[in-house]
């Protein structure tokens, strides 16, 4: 059973404990279902983070993005 995202935001990188994820790359292209560790490696190689954007999907949907920028934009939108 998977844990819901915390109040601090979505799970990122090593916090994602699912064996596989549906990966969306930084350009918004669907890359398919891949092992989570491979998705994290791809994110690191691109200098990005693997962010869980749809935790309730099976498998969860994750996107490669700059989490710091994502968090800043979300806070800016909320204010």
N, C-alpha and C. Protein backbone atom coordinates (compact mmCIF):
# COMPACT_ATOMS: atom_id res chain seq x y z
N UNK A 1 0.85 -1.18 0.00
CA UNK A 1 0.00 0.00 0.00
C UNK A 1 0.89 1.23 0.00
N UNK A 2 0.47 2.22 -0.72
CA UNK A 2 1.32 3.40 -0.86
C UNK A 2 0.88 4.51 0.07
N UNK A 3 1.86 5.25 0.56
CA UNK A 3 1.58 6.36 1.46
C UNK A 3 1.15 7.58 0.65
N UNK A 4 0.18 8.33 1.15
CA UNK A 4 -0.23 9.54 0.44
C UNK A 4 0.85 10.61 0.57
N UNK A 5 0.84 11.59 -0.33
CA UNK A 5 1.82 12.67 -0.21
C UNK A 5 1.66 13.38 1.14
N UNK A 6 2.75 13.86 1.67
CA UNK A 6 2.70 14.57 2.94
C UNK A 6 2.25 16.00 2.70
N UNK A 7 1.96 16.71 3.78
CA UNK A 7 1.54 18.10 3.67
C UNK A 7 2.65 18.98 3.10
N UNK A 8 3.91 18.52 3.20
CA UNK A 8 5.03 19.29 2.67
C UNK A 8 5.08 19.25 1.15
N UNK A 9 4.31 18.39 0.54
CA UNK A 9 4.31 18.32 -0.91
C UNK A 9 4.43 16.89 -1.41
N UNK A 10 4.60 16.74 -2.71
CA UNK A 10 4.68 15.39 -3.29
C UNK A 10 5.97 14.68 -2.92
N UNK A 11 5.95 13.35 -3.06
CA UNK A 11 7.17 12.58 -2.84
C UNK A 11 8.12 12.84 -4.01
N UNK A 12 9.41 12.93 -3.70
CA UNK A 12 10.41 13.15 -4.75
C UNK A 12 11.55 12.16 -4.59
N UNK A 13 12.20 11.87 -5.71
CA UNK A 13 13.40 11.04 -5.78
C UNK A 13 13.30 9.79 -4.91
N UNK A 14 14.20 9.61 -3.94
CA UNK A 14 14.25 8.39 -3.14
C UNK A 14 13.07 8.22 -2.20
N UNK A 15 12.23 9.23 -2.05
CA UNK A 15 11.03 9.11 -1.22
C UNK A 15 9.97 8.26 -1.92
N UNK A 16 10.08 8.09 -3.23
CA UNK A 16 9.13 7.30 -4.01
C UNK A 16 9.50 5.83 -3.84
N UNK A 17 8.64 5.08 -3.15
CA UNK A 17 8.98 3.69 -2.83
C UNK A 17 8.22 2.65 -3.65
N UNK A 18 7.72 3.05 -4.79
CA UNK A 18 7.05 2.12 -5.70
C UNK A 18 8.09 1.46 -6.60
N UNK A 19 7.87 0.20 -7.01
CA UNK A 19 8.87 -0.47 -7.87
C UNK A 19 8.94 0.11 -9.28
N UNK A 20 7.80 0.58 -9.81
CA UNK A 20 7.77 1.17 -11.15
C UNK A 20 6.94 2.44 -11.13
N UNK A 21 7.20 3.30 -12.11
CA UNK A 21 6.43 4.54 -12.27
C UNK A 21 6.14 4.76 -13.75
N UNK A 22 5.08 5.51 -14.03
CA UNK A 22 4.81 5.97 -15.38
C UNK A 22 5.53 7.30 -15.51
N UNK A 23 6.54 7.37 -16.36
CA UNK A 23 7.41 8.54 -16.43
C UNK A 23 6.99 9.51 -17.52
N UNK A 24 6.92 10.78 -17.13
CA UNK A 24 6.73 11.90 -18.06
C UNK A 24 8.04 12.68 -18.04
N UNK A 25 8.65 12.89 -19.21
CA UNK A 25 9.94 13.59 -19.21
C UNK A 25 9.75 15.10 -19.09
N UNK A 26 10.86 15.82 -19.07
CA UNK A 26 10.84 17.27 -18.87
C UNK A 26 10.10 18.01 -19.98
N UNK A 27 10.00 17.39 -21.16
CA UNK A 27 9.29 18.02 -22.29
C UNK A 27 7.81 17.65 -22.31
N UNK A 28 7.37 16.85 -21.33
CA UNK A 28 5.97 16.46 -21.25
C UNK A 28 5.63 15.21 -22.05
N UNK A 29 6.65 14.52 -22.57
CA UNK A 29 6.44 13.30 -23.34
C UNK A 29 6.33 12.09 -22.42
N UNK A 30 5.34 11.24 -22.67
CA UNK A 30 5.18 10.01 -21.88
C UNK A 30 6.27 9.02 -22.28
N UNK A 31 7.06 8.57 -21.31
CA UNK A 31 8.16 7.63 -21.57
C UNK A 31 7.78 6.20 -21.24
N UNK A 32 6.62 5.99 -20.65
CA UNK A 32 6.17 4.64 -20.35
C UNK A 32 6.48 4.23 -18.92
N UNK A 33 6.14 2.99 -18.60
CA UNK A 33 6.36 2.45 -17.25
C UNK A 33 7.79 1.94 -17.18
N UNK A 34 8.55 2.47 -16.21
CA UNK A 34 9.94 2.06 -16.04
C UNK A 34 10.23 1.87 -14.55
N UNK A 35 11.29 1.12 -14.23
CA UNK A 35 11.65 0.96 -12.81
C UNK A 35 11.97 2.32 -12.18
N UNK A 36 11.55 2.49 -10.94
CA UNK A 36 11.75 3.77 -10.24
C UNK A 36 13.22 4.15 -10.16
N UNK A 37 14.09 3.17 -9.88
CA UNK A 37 15.51 3.51 -9.77
C UNK A 37 16.08 4.01 -11.08
N UNK A 38 15.59 3.49 -12.21
CA UNK A 38 16.03 3.98 -13.52
C UNK A 38 15.53 5.41 -13.75
N UNK A 39 14.29 5.69 -13.34
CA UNK A 39 13.72 7.04 -13.48
C UNK A 39 14.51 8.04 -12.64
N UNK A 40 14.90 7.64 -11.43
CA UNK A 40 15.69 8.52 -10.56
C UNK A 40 17.06 8.79 -11.20
N UNK A 41 17.67 7.75 -11.77
CA UNK A 41 18.96 7.91 -12.45
C UNK A 41 18.84 8.88 -13.62
N UNK A 42 17.75 8.75 -14.40
CA UNK A 42 17.53 9.66 -15.53
C UNK A 42 17.39 11.10 -15.05
N UNK A 43 16.67 11.28 -13.94
CA UNK A 43 16.50 12.63 -13.37
C UNK A 43 17.84 13.21 -12.95
N UNK A 44 18.64 12.40 -12.26
CA UNK A 44 19.96 12.87 -11.80
C UNK A 44 20.85 13.25 -12.98
N UNK A 45 20.83 12.43 -14.03
CA UNK A 45 21.66 12.70 -15.21
C UNK A 45 21.23 14.00 -15.89
N UNK A 46 19.94 14.33 -15.81
CA UNK A 46 19.43 15.56 -16.43
C UNK A 46 19.52 16.76 -15.48
N UNK A 47 19.99 16.53 -14.25
CA UNK A 47 20.06 17.61 -13.27
C UNK A 47 18.69 18.03 -12.76
N UNK A 48 17.75 17.08 -12.78
CA UNK A 48 16.37 17.36 -12.36
C UNK A 48 15.98 16.43 -11.21
N UNK A 49 14.73 16.53 -10.79
CA UNK A 49 14.19 15.67 -9.75
C UNK A 49 13.07 14.82 -10.34
N UNK A 50 12.86 13.65 -9.75
CA UNK A 50 11.72 12.81 -10.10
C UNK A 50 10.63 13.15 -9.09
N UNK A 51 9.52 13.71 -9.57
CA UNK A 51 8.44 14.18 -8.70
C UNK A 51 7.17 13.39 -8.99
N UNK A 52 6.56 12.85 -7.94
CA UNK A 52 5.32 12.09 -8.06
C UNK A 52 4.16 13.08 -8.21
N UNK A 53 3.55 13.11 -9.40
CA UNK A 53 2.47 14.07 -9.65
C UNK A 53 1.08 13.46 -9.53
N UNK A 54 0.99 12.15 -9.60
CA UNK A 54 -0.30 11.47 -9.44
C UNK A 54 -0.08 10.18 -8.64
N UNK A 55 -0.03 10.32 -7.30
CA UNK A 55 0.31 9.17 -6.45
C UNK A 55 -0.74 8.06 -6.42
N UNK A 56 -1.98 8.36 -6.74
CA UNK A 56 -3.04 7.35 -6.65
C UNK A 56 -3.19 6.52 -7.91
N UNK A 57 -2.49 6.89 -8.97
CA UNK A 57 -2.53 6.10 -10.21
C UNK A 57 -1.75 4.81 -10.00
N UNK A 58 -2.05 3.81 -10.79
CA UNK A 58 -1.32 2.53 -10.73
C UNK A 58 -0.68 2.27 -12.08
N UNK A 59 0.61 2.34 -12.26
CA UNK A 59 1.60 2.83 -11.29
C UNK A 59 1.52 4.34 -11.16
N UNK A 60 2.13 4.91 -10.11
CA UNK A 60 2.06 6.35 -9.92
C UNK A 60 2.74 7.09 -11.08
N UNK A 61 2.19 8.25 -11.42
CA UNK A 61 2.74 9.07 -12.49
C UNK A 61 3.78 10.01 -11.89
N UNK A 62 4.98 10.00 -12.48
CA UNK A 62 6.07 10.85 -12.02
C UNK A 62 6.59 11.67 -13.19
N UNK A 63 7.09 12.85 -12.88
CA UNK A 63 7.59 13.74 -13.91
C UNK A 63 8.99 14.20 -13.56
N UNK A 64 9.82 14.35 -14.60
CA UNK A 64 11.16 14.91 -14.42
C UNK A 64 11.03 16.42 -14.45
N UNK A 65 11.42 17.08 -13.35
CA UNK A 65 11.37 18.53 -13.31
C UNK A 65 12.27 19.07 -12.21
N UNK A 66 12.46 20.37 -12.22
CA UNK A 66 13.25 21.04 -11.18
C UNK A 66 12.30 21.29 -10.01
N UNK A 67 12.44 20.51 -8.93
CA UNK A 67 11.49 20.60 -7.82
C UNK A 67 11.52 21.96 -7.14
N UNK A 68 12.69 22.57 -7.01
CA UNK A 68 12.78 23.90 -6.39
C UNK A 68 11.96 24.91 -7.17
N UNK A 69 12.06 24.87 -8.49
CA UNK A 69 11.30 25.78 -9.36
C UNK A 69 9.81 25.47 -9.27
N UNK A 70 9.48 24.17 -9.27
CA UNK A 70 8.09 23.72 -9.18
C UNK A 70 7.45 24.22 -7.89
N UNK A 71 8.18 24.06 -6.77
CA UNK A 71 7.68 24.47 -5.46
C UNK A 71 7.48 26.00 -5.41
N UNK A 72 8.44 26.74 -5.97
CA UNK A 72 8.35 28.20 -6.01
C UNK A 72 7.12 28.63 -6.81
N UNK A 73 6.89 28.03 -7.98
CA UNK A 73 5.74 28.38 -8.81
C UNK A 73 4.43 28.07 -8.09
N UNK A 74 4.38 26.94 -7.37
CA UNK A 74 3.17 26.56 -6.64
C UNK A 74 2.89 27.55 -5.52
N UNK A 75 3.93 27.98 -4.80
CA UNK A 75 3.74 28.95 -3.72
C UNK A 75 3.32 30.30 -4.29
N UNK A 76 3.90 30.68 -5.40
CA UNK A 76 3.58 31.95 -6.05
C UNK A 76 2.11 31.95 -6.49
N UNK A 77 1.66 30.81 -7.04
CA UNK A 77 0.28 30.69 -7.50
C UNK A 77 -0.69 30.75 -6.32
N UNK A 78 -0.30 30.19 -5.17
CA UNK A 78 -1.16 30.15 -3.98
C UNK A 78 -1.35 31.53 -3.36
N UNK A 79 -0.39 32.42 -3.57
CA UNK A 79 -0.46 33.76 -2.96
C UNK A 79 -1.09 34.73 -3.84
